[in-house]
């Protein structure tokens, strides 16, 4: 059976973080086309990428408690309603004004106001002496981008390249999430392996990160924890993203700043029986895009074979990586194997659920409530797991798939336990083990 068959389990790869219509194929995947498209859609944003960075309060060299950049009225936004806001009252009254003008749907207006208060409370808990300016600066740009998408919805192609100009959506997302991370209680496991990955990418080889998935902010957390030691990885990861993060107006602006392969998650494949065939066809297009990318080499792709975000145990309320789907992982492995380029598959563990936990149960409707907190986070990578070695004694392909998937999952769980011990049990660097060497992101010391 072809791995691109519409009925193949390959279609159930995973989810991550953006949204919009997956029905429209991209007319071009070149960077030049995307820049031209961006300028065509945002002619009023003819300011430099540097201005886009300055719109949010902290640049990449600042810590979560550093002095914010001044709010300037000279940078242009989509709407004066939000970009000109100089106080909390201006922002909230702007929402009400657009609601009354019927330019904001009531559900989105309510979600924006709720998001503002939750974000404000989280940033204030950080102890940042400039928290008020941080919140105002970041939320006015966030609301401006959200309002733009309500008026002119952005459509994601099967393969979406991060939009960096004329507005830098990547830096916008980094600066928005940065104040939510307690860097002094955040950890990176096995940074030397991340360094090896960068060397492999520079040699034209592919890297696949098989990971658990916890929040919509996962891409920003990875990029923020690695931006000083491994900036190439931070900015170039391609995330396999579920449709929900490319359809929710509150999430779309953050998704626009990431490299994405857009798919429909298996958890939502059957939400509407009439759309199942369409979703499968869309997934097939995205997987073909993935195959083309891998054939070009030097690609790093993040995927969560669980098909969605981790959830806490309903009885113990403890968080743990969701079990991987063996078919999804095996199909990813075969894509790498058939790319004609050397490829490496690494198990990656993430712990960041506290800063933006998902709803307790999987929801069909778009527009989930965003709970936000200030907390430590962690990411760790383990050594490659050789398929031939771990499946040498298997008697059938199905057994081999299951054994390999379990071996990768066990590595993720082992690393997750170390991060859990370091962050939530307060053991810090002492939680390191022979297999997981913890360090802290240098960013935290740059006050």
Protein backbone atom coordinates (compact mmCIF):
# COMPACT_ATOMS: atom_id res chain seq x y z
CA UNK A 1 0.00 0.00 0.00
CA UNK A 2 1.27 3.43 -0.86
CA UNK A 3 2.08 5.57 2.13
CA UNK A 4 0.15 8.35 0.40
CA UNK A 5 -3.07 6.39 0.08
CA UNK A 6 -6.07 8.39 1.39
CA UNK A 7 -6.89 5.45 3.66
CA UNK A 8 -3.40 5.17 5.05
CA UNK A 9 -2.79 5.78 8.76
CA UNK A 10 -0.22 8.29 7.57
CA UNK A 11 -3.11 10.70 7.42
CA UNK A 12 -3.29 10.66 11.21
CA UNK A 13 0.12 12.05 11.93
CA UNK A 14 -0.52 14.61 14.68
CA UNK A 15 -1.28 18.17 15.68
CA UNK A 16 0.38 21.25 16.96
CA UNK A 17 -0.51 24.83 16.71
CA UNK A 18 -2.20 26.94 13.79
CA UNK A 19 -5.23 27.05 11.52
CA UNK A 20 -7.35 28.18 8.46
CA UNK A 21 -8.66 26.44 5.41
CA UNK A 22 -6.68 23.38 4.35
CA UNK A 23 -8.72 23.08 1.19
CA UNK A 24 -6.82 25.52 -0.96
CA UNK A 25 -3.52 24.28 -2.33
CA UNK A 26 -0.66 26.72 -2.33
CA UNK A 27 -0.06 28.36 -5.68
CA UNK A 28 3.60 28.59 -4.80
CA UNK A 29 5.84 27.58 -1.94
CA UNK A 30 8.62 30.00 -2.69
CA UNK A 31 9.62 32.60 -0.14
CA UNK A 32 9.44 35.36 -2.74
CA UNK A 33 5.81 34.54 -3.50
CA UNK A 34 4.92 34.62 0.17
CA UNK A 35 6.59 37.98 0.68
CA UNK A 36 4.78 39.43 -2.32
CA UNK A 37 1.54 37.95 -1.02
CA UNK A 38 2.11 39.44 2.41
CA UNK A 39 2.76 42.91 0.99
CA UNK A 40 -0.32 42.63 -1.18
CA UNK A 41 -2.46 41.81 1.86
CA UNK A 42 -0.79 44.35 4.15
CA UNK A 43 0.09 47.41 2.02
CA UNK A 44 -0.41 49.59 5.09
CA UNK A 45 2.34 47.69 6.90
CA UNK A 46 5.18 49.01 4.81
CA UNK A 47 7.42 49.34 7.81
CA UNK A 48 10.52 47.28 8.37
CA UNK A 49 10.72 43.91 10.08
CA UNK A 50 12.66 45.70 12.79
CA UNK A 51 9.58 47.79 13.58
CA UNK A 52 7.55 44.60 13.74
CA UNK A 53 9.96 43.33 16.38
CA UNK A 54 9.84 46.57 18.33
CA UNK A 55 6.06 46.47 18.53
CA UNK A 56 6.26 43.76 21.17
CA UNK A 57 7.90 44.62 24.37
CA UNK A 58 10.96 42.39 24.59
CA UNK A 59 13.55 41.55 21.99
CA UNK A 60 15.33 38.19 21.85
CA UNK A 61 18.21 39.34 24.02
CA UNK A 62 15.99 40.37 26.93
CA UNK A 63 14.92 38.17 29.81
CA UNK A 64 11.39 37.86 31.09
CA UNK A 65 12.13 40.59 33.64
CA UNK A 66 14.07 42.99 31.44
CA UNK A 67 13.11 46.60 30.79
CA UNK A 68 10.44 46.80 28.08
CA UNK A 69 10.93 48.70 24.88
CA UNK A 70 9.03 51.98 24.77
CA UNK A 71 5.62 51.98 23.17
CA UNK A 72 5.81 54.11 20.06
CA UNK A 73 2.91 55.58 18.14
CA UNK A 74 4.93 55.84 14.94
CA UNK A 75 4.54 52.19 13.91
CA UNK A 76 1.45 51.52 11.83
CA UNK A 77 -0.93 48.65 12.51
CA UNK A 78 -3.98 47.29 10.78
CA UNK A 79 -6.48 49.25 12.85
CA UNK A 80 -6.01 52.35 14.98
CA UNK A 81 -8.50 50.84 17.44
CA UNK A 82 -5.91 48.58 19.04
CA UNK A 83 -2.47 49.69 17.86
CA UNK A 84 -3.04 53.20 19.28
CA UNK A 85 -4.15 51.92 22.69
CA UNK A 86 -2.22 53.51 25.55
CA UNK A 87 -4.02 51.90 28.47
CA UNK A 88 -6.01 48.86 29.51
CA UNK A 89 -9.17 50.93 29.21
CA UNK A 90 -8.30 51.81 25.61
CA UNK A 91 -7.91 48.13 24.71
CA UNK A 92 -11.08 46.92 26.40
CA UNK A 93 -13.19 49.82 25.16
CA UNK A 94 -11.81 49.15 21.68
CA UNK A 95 -13.19 45.62 21.83
CA UNK A 96 -16.58 46.97 22.89
CA UNK A 97 -16.53 49.62 20.17
CA UNK A 98 -15.81 47.09 17.41
CA UNK A 99 -18.44 44.76 18.85
CA UNK A 100 -21.06 47.50 18.69
CA UNK A 101 -19.96 48.33 15.15
CA UNK A 102 -20.51 44.64 14.29
CA UNK A 103 -16.93 44.31 13.04
CA UNK A 104 -16.15 41.79 15.82
CA UNK A 105 -18.37 38.75 16.43
CA UNK A 106 -19.58 38.56 20.02
CA UNK A 107 -17.88 35.22 20.72
CA UNK A 108 -14.50 36.51 19.54
CA UNK A 109 -14.91 39.79 21.43
CA UNK A 110 -15.62 37.88 24.64
CA UNK A 111 -12.64 35.60 24.05
CA UNK A 112 -10.33 38.55 23.44
CA UNK A 113 -11.37 40.24 26.69
CA UNK A 114 -10.95 36.99 28.61
CA UNK A 115 -7.55 36.45 27.02
CA UNK A 116 -6.44 39.93 28.04
CA UNK A 117 -7.26 39.40 31.72
CA UNK A 118 -5.69 35.92 31.81
CA UNK A 119 -2.52 37.14 30.11
CA UNK A 120 -2.32 40.16 32.41
CA UNK A 121 -2.67 38.03 35.55
CA UNK A 122 0.05 35.62 34.37
CA UNK A 123 2.55 38.36 33.50
CA UNK A 124 1.91 40.19 36.79
CA UNK A 125 2.62 36.95 38.69
CA UNK A 126 6.09 36.91 37.12
CA UNK A 127 7.17 39.83 39.30
CA UNK A 128 8.27 41.82 36.27
CA UNK A 129 8.50 45.46 37.46
CA UNK A 130 7.42 46.53 33.97
CA UNK A 131 4.51 44.09 33.80
CA UNK A 132 1.94 46.77 33.00
CA UNK A 133 3.86 48.00 29.95
CA UNK A 134 4.65 44.43 28.93
CA UNK A 135 0.99 43.47 28.91
CA UNK A 136 -0.15 46.60 27.10
CA UNK A 137 2.56 46.41 24.43
CA UNK A 138 2.07 42.73 23.69
CA UNK A 139 -1.72 42.69 23.85
CA UNK A 140 -2.24 45.72 21.63
CA UNK A 141 -0.24 44.04 18.86
CA UNK A 142 -1.95 40.69 19.48
CA UNK A 143 -5.40 42.28 19.25
CA UNK A 144 -4.37 44.18 16.12
CA UNK A 145 -3.31 40.93 14.41
CA UNK A 146 -6.44 39.09 15.59
CA UNK A 147 -8.71 41.86 14.36
CA UNK A 148 -6.94 41.85 11.00
CA UNK A 149 -7.68 38.15 10.60
CA UNK A 150 -11.34 38.63 11.48
CA UNK A 151 -11.60 41.22 8.72
CA UNK A 152 -9.31 39.47 6.21
CA UNK A 153 -8.99 35.76 7.16
CA UNK A 154 -5.62 34.31 6.28
CA UNK A 155 -5.60 30.97 4.49
CA UNK A 156 -2.85 28.47 5.25
CA UNK A 157 -1.51 26.34 2.43
CA UNK A 158 -0.63 22.67 3.09
CA UNK A 159 2.95 23.83 3.68
CA UNK A 160 3.12 27.24 5.30
CA UNK A 161 6.37 29.17 5.65
CA UNK A 162 6.67 31.56 8.59
CA UNK A 163 5.82 35.15 7.65
CA UNK A 164 8.76 37.35 8.67
CA UNK A 165 8.00 40.49 6.60
CA UNK A 166 6.60 43.07 6.31
CA UNK A 167 5.37 42.08 9.79
CA UNK A 168 7.53 39.59 11.71
CA UNK A 169 4.98 37.11 13.05
CA UNK A 170 7.72 34.83 14.38
CA UNK A 171 9.24 37.49 16.65
CA UNK A 172 5.77 38.63 17.66
CA UNK A 173 4.98 35.11 18.91
CA UNK A 174 8.31 34.78 20.70
CA UNK A 175 7.89 38.06 22.53
CA UNK A 176 4.30 37.28 23.49
CA UNK A 177 5.16 33.94 25.14
CA UNK A 178 8.50 35.03 26.64
CA UNK A 179 7.00 36.78 29.73
CA UNK A 180 5.10 33.58 30.60
CA UNK A 181 8.24 31.46 31.02
CA UNK A 182 10.09 31.37 34.32
CA UNK A 183 13.56 30.92 32.84
CA UNK A 184 15.15 30.45 36.25
CA UNK A 185 13.10 27.29 36.64
CA UNK A 186 13.36 26.10 33.03
CA UNK A 187 15.67 23.38 31.74
CA UNK A 188 17.04 21.87 28.55
CA UNK A 189 18.00 18.21 28.44
CA UNK A 190 21.01 17.06 26.41
CA UNK A 191 21.87 20.32 24.68
CA UNK A 192 24.84 18.56 23.07
CA UNK A 193 22.44 16.45 21.01
CA UNK A 194 20.71 19.60 19.75
CA UNK A 195 24.16 20.82 18.69
CA UNK A 196 24.74 17.55 16.82
CA UNK A 197 21.41 18.06 15.07
CA UNK A 198 22.49 21.45 13.78
CA UNK A 199 25.64 19.88 12.36
CA UNK A 200 23.56 17.20 10.61
CA UNK A 201 21.25 19.85 9.14
CA UNK A 202 24.25 21.83 7.90
CA UNK A 203 25.46 18.67 6.15
CA UNK A 204 22.20 18.41 4.21
CA UNK A 205 20.65 15.68 6.39
CA UNK A 206 17.10 15.60 7.75
CA UNK A 207 16.09 15.56 11.41
CA UNK A 208 12.73 14.39 12.78
CA UNK A 209 11.63 15.17 16.35
CA UNK A 210 9.10 12.68 17.71
CA UNK A 211 7.50 14.50 20.61
CA UNK A 212 4.69 14.70 23.09
CA UNK A 213 2.51 17.79 22.73
CA UNK A 214 1.13 19.89 25.57
CA UNK A 215 0.06 23.41 24.60
CA UNK A 216 -0.57 25.78 21.72
CA UNK A 217 2.62 27.50 22.85
CA UNK A 218 4.86 24.44 22.27
CA UNK A 219 6.65 25.93 19.22
CA UNK A 220 7.45 29.15 21.09
CA UNK A 221 8.65 27.24 24.15
CA UNK A 222 11.05 25.13 22.07
CA UNK A 223 12.33 28.19 20.22
CA UNK A 224 12.75 30.28 23.37
CA UNK A 225 14.63 27.61 25.31
CA UNK A 226 16.99 26.98 22.38
CA UNK A 227 17.29 30.45 20.82
CA UNK A 228 20.67 31.18 22.41
CA UNK A 229 22.38 27.79 22.12
CA UNK A 230 20.74 26.53 18.92
CA UNK A 231 19.20 29.43 16.98
CA UNK A 232 19.12 27.54 13.68
CA UNK A 233 16.82 24.93 15.19
CA UNK A 234 14.68 27.59 16.88
CA UNK A 235 13.85 29.38 13.65
CA UNK A 236 13.74 26.52 11.17
CA UNK A 237 11.64 23.76 12.74
CA UNK A 238 8.66 22.74 10.62
CA UNK A 239 5.72 21.75 12.83
CA UNK A 240 3.07 19.24 11.82
CA UNK A 241 0.05 21.31 12.82
CA UNK A 242 -3.55 20.36 13.45
CA UNK A 243 -6.34 22.27 11.76
CA UNK A 244 -7.57 23.88 14.98
CA UNK A 245 -4.55 26.11 15.32
CA UNK A 246 -5.05 27.45 11.80
CA UNK A 247 -8.76 28.23 12.20
CA UNK A 248 -9.11 29.91 15.59
CA UNK A 249 -8.76 33.72 15.15
CA UNK A 250 -7.04 34.02 18.54
CA UNK A 251 -4.40 31.48 17.58
CA UNK A 252 -3.88 32.14 13.87
CA UNK A 253 -1.52 35.14 14.22
CA UNK A 254 0.87 33.01 16.28
CA UNK A 255 0.63 30.16 13.79
CA UNK A 256 1.47 32.51 10.92
CA UNK A 257 4.95 32.93 12.44
CA UNK A 258 5.79 29.21 12.28
CA UNK A 259 6.75 26.83 9.51
CA UNK A 260 3.84 24.41 9.32
CA UNK A 261 2.67 21.28 7.60
CA UNK A 262 -1.08 21.53 8.08
CA UNK A 263 -3.05 18.34 8.71
CA UNK A 264 -6.32 17.26 10.24
CA UNK A 265 -5.79 15.51 13.56
CA UNK A 266 -7.13 12.01 13.96
CA UNK A 267 -8.89 13.23 17.11
CA UNK A 268 -11.07 15.49 14.95
CA UNK A 269 -11.17 13.44 11.76
CA UNK A 270 -14.71 12.19 12.43
CA UNK A 271 -16.20 15.35 13.98
CA UNK A 272 -18.31 15.85 10.86
CA UNK A 273 -18.89 12.66 8.80
CA UNK A 274 -19.52 14.71 5.65
CA UNK A 275 -16.01 16.19 5.82
CA UNK A 276 -14.02 12.99 6.35
CA UNK A 277 -13.12 12.48 2.69
CA UNK A 278 -12.15 16.13 2.27
CA UNK A 279 -9.93 15.96 5.34
CA UNK A 280 -8.20 12.84 4.06
CA UNK A 281 -7.52 14.46 0.70
CA UNK A 282 -6.12 17.54 2.45
CA UNK A 283 -3.87 15.37 4.58
CA UNK A 284 -2.63 13.55 1.51
CA UNK A 285 -1.61 16.88 -0.04
CA UNK A 286 0.24 17.87 3.12
CA UNK A 287 2.07 14.56 3.25
CA UNK A 288 3.17 14.95 -0.35
CA UNK A 289 4.54 18.36 0.60
CA UNK A 290 6.40 16.71 3.48
CA UNK A 291 7.91 14.12 1.15
CA UNK A 292 9.12 16.87 -1.19
CA UNK A 293 10.66 18.78 1.70
CA UNK A 294 12.51 15.73 2.96
CA UNK A 295 13.89 15.00 -0.51
CA UNK A 296 15.45 18.47 -0.48
CA UNK A 297 17.37 17.71 2.72
CA UNK A 298 18.38 19.95 5.64
CA UNK A 299 14.85 19.87 7.09
CA UNK A 300 13.92 19.56 10.76
CA UNK A 301 10.32 18.46 11.38
CA UNK A 302 8.45 18.21 14.71
CA UNK A 303 5.56 15.78 15.01
CA UNK A 304 3.41 14.46 17.86
CA UNK A 305 2.30 10.88 17.01
CA UNK A 306 -0.27 10.95 19.81
CA UNK A 307 -2.47 13.04 17.52
CA UNK A 308 -3.02 15.85 19.99
CA UNK A 309 -2.15 17.48 23.29
CA UNK A 310 -1.48 15.61 26.52
CA UNK A 311 -4.24 15.71 29.13
CA UNK A 312 -4.03 15.14 32.89
CA UNK A 313 -5.22 11.85 34.33
CA UNK A 314 -8.88 12.41 35.35
CA UNK A 315 -8.33 10.61 38.66
CA UNK A 316 -4.83 11.68 39.76
CA UNK A 317 -4.73 14.97 37.81
CA UNK A 318 -1.12 14.15 36.92
CA UNK A 319 0.25 14.97 33.48
CA UNK A 320 2.08 12.45 31.36
CA UNK A 321 2.85 12.08 27.63
CA UNK A 322 -0.07 10.61 25.69
CA UNK A 323 0.59 7.25 24.08
CA UNK A 324 1.97 7.36 20.52
CA UNK A 325 0.15 5.92 17.51
CA UNK A 326 2.45 3.21 16.12
CA UNK A 327 1.12 3.58 12.57
CA UNK A 328 1.75 7.32 12.50
CA UNK A 329 5.29 6.89 13.76
CA UNK A 330 6.05 4.07 11.33
CA UNK A 331 4.75 6.07 8.38
CA UNK A 332 6.94 8.99 9.41
CA UNK A 333 9.92 6.65 9.63
CA UNK A 334 9.21 5.31 6.13
CA UNK A 335 8.91 8.82 4.71
CA UNK A 336 12.37 9.57 6.06
CA UNK A 337 13.75 6.29 4.79
CA UNK A 338 12.43 6.82 1.25
CA UNK A 339 13.53 10.46 0.97
CA UNK A 340 16.87 9.57 -0.59
CA UNK A 341 18.61 11.74 2.03
CA UNK A 342 20.19 10.68 5.31
CA UNK A 343 17.64 11.15 8.07
CA UNK A 344 17.70 11.04 11.86
CA UNK A 345 14.77 10.43 14.21
CA UNK A 346 15.05 11.72 17.78
CA UNK A 347 12.69 11.36 20.77
CA UNK A 348 11.80 14.77 22.25
CA UNK A 349 10.08 15.49 25.57
CA UNK A 350 8.25 18.68 26.45
CA UNK A 351 6.94 19.92 29.79
CA UNK A 352 5.08 23.23 29.59
CA UNK A 353 1.43 22.47 30.30
CA UNK A 354 1.16 24.99 33.13
CA UNK A 355 1.67 28.08 31.00
CA UNK A 356 -1.27 27.36 28.68
CA UNK A 357 -3.10 24.09 29.50
CA UNK A 358 -5.62 22.65 27.02
CA UNK A 359 -9.27 22.00 27.96
CA UNK A 360 -9.65 18.88 30.15
CA UNK A 361 -11.36 17.03 27.29
CA UNK A 362 -11.02 17.21 23.53
CA UNK A 363 -13.55 19.75 22.22
CA UNK A 364 -15.20 19.75 18.81
CA UNK A 365 -15.95 23.46 18.73
CA UNK A 366 -13.33 26.08 17.85
CA UNK A 367 -12.71 28.77 20.46
CA UNK A 368 -11.44 27.10 23.61
CA UNK A 369 -10.90 29.07 26.80
CA UNK A 370 -7.27 30.15 27.19
CA UNK A 371 -5.95 29.65 30.72
CA UNK A 372 -2.50 31.21 31.12
CA UNK A 373 0.15 31.09 33.83
CA UNK A 374 3.77 32.03 34.57
CA UNK A 375 5.79 28.86 35.07
CA UNK A 376 9.00 26.98 34.39
CA UNK A 377 9.19 24.89 31.22
CA UNK A 378 11.45 22.20 29.82
CA UNK A 379 12.51 20.46 26.63
CA UNK A 380 14.81 17.47 26.29
CA UNK A 381 16.03 15.32 23.42
CA UNK A 382 17.29 11.74 23.59
CA UNK A 383 19.72 9.80 21.40
CA UNK A 384 18.49 8.32 18.13
CA UNK A 385 16.80 4.94 18.45
CA UNK A 386 17.89 2.55 15.70
CA UNK A 387 14.91 0.77 14.15
CA UNK A 388 16.85 -2.30 13.02
CA UNK A 389 18.44 -2.78 16.42
CA UNK A 390 15.29 -2.52 18.54
CA UNK A 391 13.20 -4.67 16.17
CA UNK A 392 15.78 -7.35 15.33
CA UNK A 393 13.87 -10.08 17.17
CA UNK A 394 10.41 -9.11 15.90
CA UNK A 395 8.51 -11.69 13.90
CA UNK A 396 6.27 -9.41 11.82
CA UNK A 397 6.07 -5.85 10.51
CA UNK A 398 3.19 -5.08 12.86
CA UNK A 399 5.20 -6.25 15.85
CA UNK A 400 8.18 -4.21 14.69
CA UNK A 401 6.02 -1.07 14.42
CA UNK A 402 4.73 -1.55 17.94
CA UNK A 403 8.14 -2.28 19.44
CA UNK A 404 9.78 0.71 17.79
CA UNK A 405 6.95 3.06 18.77
CA UNK A 406 7.17 1.88 22.37
CA UNK A 407 10.94 2.36 22.45
CA UNK A 408 10.62 5.97 21.24
CA UNK A 409 7.75 6.62 23.64
CA UNK A 410 9.70 5.15 26.59
CA UNK A 411 12.58 7.54 25.85
CA UNK A 412 10.20 10.51 25.79
CA UNK A 413 8.68 9.39 29.11
CA UNK A 414 12.11 8.93 30.70
CA UNK A 415 13.10 12.46 29.71
CA UNK A 416 9.74 13.83 30.78
CA UNK A 417 10.19 12.37 34.25
CA UNK A 418 13.54 14.13 34.58
CA UNK A 419 12.01 17.45 33.54
CA UNK A 420 9.15 16.86 35.95
CA UNK A 421 11.59 16.25 38.78
CA UNK A 422 13.62 19.35 37.91
CA UNK A 423 10.73 21.77 37.43
CA UNK A 424 7.73 20.63 39.45
CA UNK A 425 9.56 18.81 42.22
CA UNK A 426 12.14 21.56 42.64
CA UNK A 427 15.26 19.42 42.17
CA UNK A 428 16.68 21.61 39.43
CA UNK A 429 19.94 20.52 37.84
CA UNK A 430 20.28 17.77 40.43
CA UNK A 431 17.51 15.90 38.61
CA UNK A 432 20.02 15.06 35.84
CA UNK A 433 20.59 11.37 35.14
CA UNK A 434 23.21 9.47 33.11
CA UNK A 435 20.83 9.65 30.12
CA UNK A 436 19.53 13.20 30.57
CA UNK A 437 22.01 15.98 31.29
CA UNK A 438 20.18 19.15 32.25
CA UNK A 439 21.31 22.71 31.67
CA UNK A 440 19.53 26.04 31.84
CA UNK A 441 18.95 28.42 28.94
CA UNK A 442 21.57 31.20 29.05
CA UNK A 443 18.75 33.66 28.38
CA UNK A 444 17.72 33.59 32.03
CA UNK A 445 20.90 35.25 33.15
CA UNK A 446 20.64 38.24 30.80
CA UNK A 447 18.74 40.61 33.10
